[in-house]
Amino acid sequence: MTTKQTAVEWLQECLSIHLSHQQQMQFEGLFQQAKAMEKEQMKDAYVTGQYDLADKKFRPQEYYNETYAK
């Protein structure tokens, strides 16, 4: 089974190539916080999607725009 990579994990991996070990350690806490936020957003999106599917009105683009687009 392959593990999917989140956007935050992908960004952390890409940046690690360009950062020194010391810089990586300085950003580690921020990445952990971003991963926790991303996890909560995924859970919230899943729950919202389940309710919308039950109501037969699942609109992912509309959900994204209402939740994240500013």
Protein backbone atom coordinates (compact mmCIF):
# COMPACT_ATOMS: atom_id res chain seq x y z
CA MET A 1 0.00 0.00 0.00
CA THR A 2 1.36 3.42 -0.91
CA THR A 3 0.88 6.34 1.41
CA LYS A 4 -0.48 9.53 -0.04
CA GLN A 5 1.38 12.73 0.69
CA THR A 6 -0.42 15.85 1.90
CA ALA A 7 0.30 19.27 0.46
CA VAL A 8 2.10 20.29 3.65
CA GLU A 9 4.27 17.16 3.57
CA TRP A 10 5.09 17.79 -0.08
CA LEU A 11 6.09 21.40 0.66
CA GLN A 12 8.22 20.33 3.61
CA GLU A 13 10.00 17.77 1.46
CA CYS A 14 10.61 20.29 -1.35
CA LEU A 15 11.93 22.93 1.03
CA SER A 16 14.19 20.50 2.88
CA ILE A 17 16.37 20.27 -0.23
CA HIS A 18 17.08 24.00 0.01
CA LEU A 19 17.33 24.44 3.77
CA SER A 20 20.23 23.68 6.07
CA HIS A 21 19.68 21.22 8.91
CA GLN A 22 19.48 24.14 11.35
CA GLN A 23 16.84 25.89 9.22
CA GLN A 24 14.86 22.66 8.93
CA MET A 25 14.84 22.35 12.72
CA GLN A 26 13.67 25.97 13.05
CA PHE A 27 10.72 25.29 10.75
CA GLU A 28 9.82 21.87 12.18
CA GLY A 29 7.31 23.28 14.68
CA LEU A 30 5.58 25.30 11.99
CA PHE A 31 5.31 22.26 9.74
CA GLN A 32 3.85 20.19 12.58
CA GLN A 33 1.30 22.93 13.27
CA ALA A 34 0.43 23.15 9.55
CA LYS A 35 0.01 19.36 9.38
CA ALA A 36 -2.35 19.44 12.37
CA MET A 37 -4.38 22.22 10.76
CA GLU A 38 -4.51 20.33 7.47
CA LYS A 39 -5.69 17.19 9.26
CA GLU A 40 -8.55 19.09 10.92
CA GLN A 41 -9.53 20.65 7.58
CA MET A 42 -9.61 17.19 5.96
CA LYS A 43 -11.78 15.82 8.76
CA ASP A 44 -14.14 18.80 8.55
CA ALA A 45 -14.38 18.48 4.76
CA TYR A 46 -15.15 14.77 5.06
CA VAL A 47 -17.91 15.34 7.60
CA THR A 48 -19.37 18.18 5.55
CA GLY A 49 -19.27 15.98 2.46
CA GLN A 50 -21.08 13.16 4.25
CA TYR A 51 -23.89 15.50 5.30
CA ASP A 52 -24.12 17.02 1.84
CA LEU A 53 -24.24 13.57 0.22
CA ALA A 54 -27.07 12.59 2.54
CA ASP A 55 -28.92 15.72 1.41
CA LYS A 56 -27.89 15.02 -2.22
CA LYS A 57 -26.31 18.44 -2.59
CA PHE A 58 -22.58 17.72 -2.58
CA ARG A 59 -20.84 20.75 -4.10
CA PRO A 60 -17.06 20.51 -3.51
CA GLN A 61 -16.15 23.69 -5.43
CA GLU A 62 -18.77 25.69 -3.55
CA TYR A 63 -17.53 24.25 -0.23
CA TYR A 64 -13.95 25.23 -1.07
CA ASN A 65 -14.96 28.75 -2.08
CA GLU A 66 -17.04 29.27 1.07
CA THR A 67 -14.36 27.81 3.35
CA TYR A 68 -11.03 28.88 1.90
CA ALA A 69 -11.37 31.42 -0.91
CA LYS A 70 -11.08 34.97 0.28
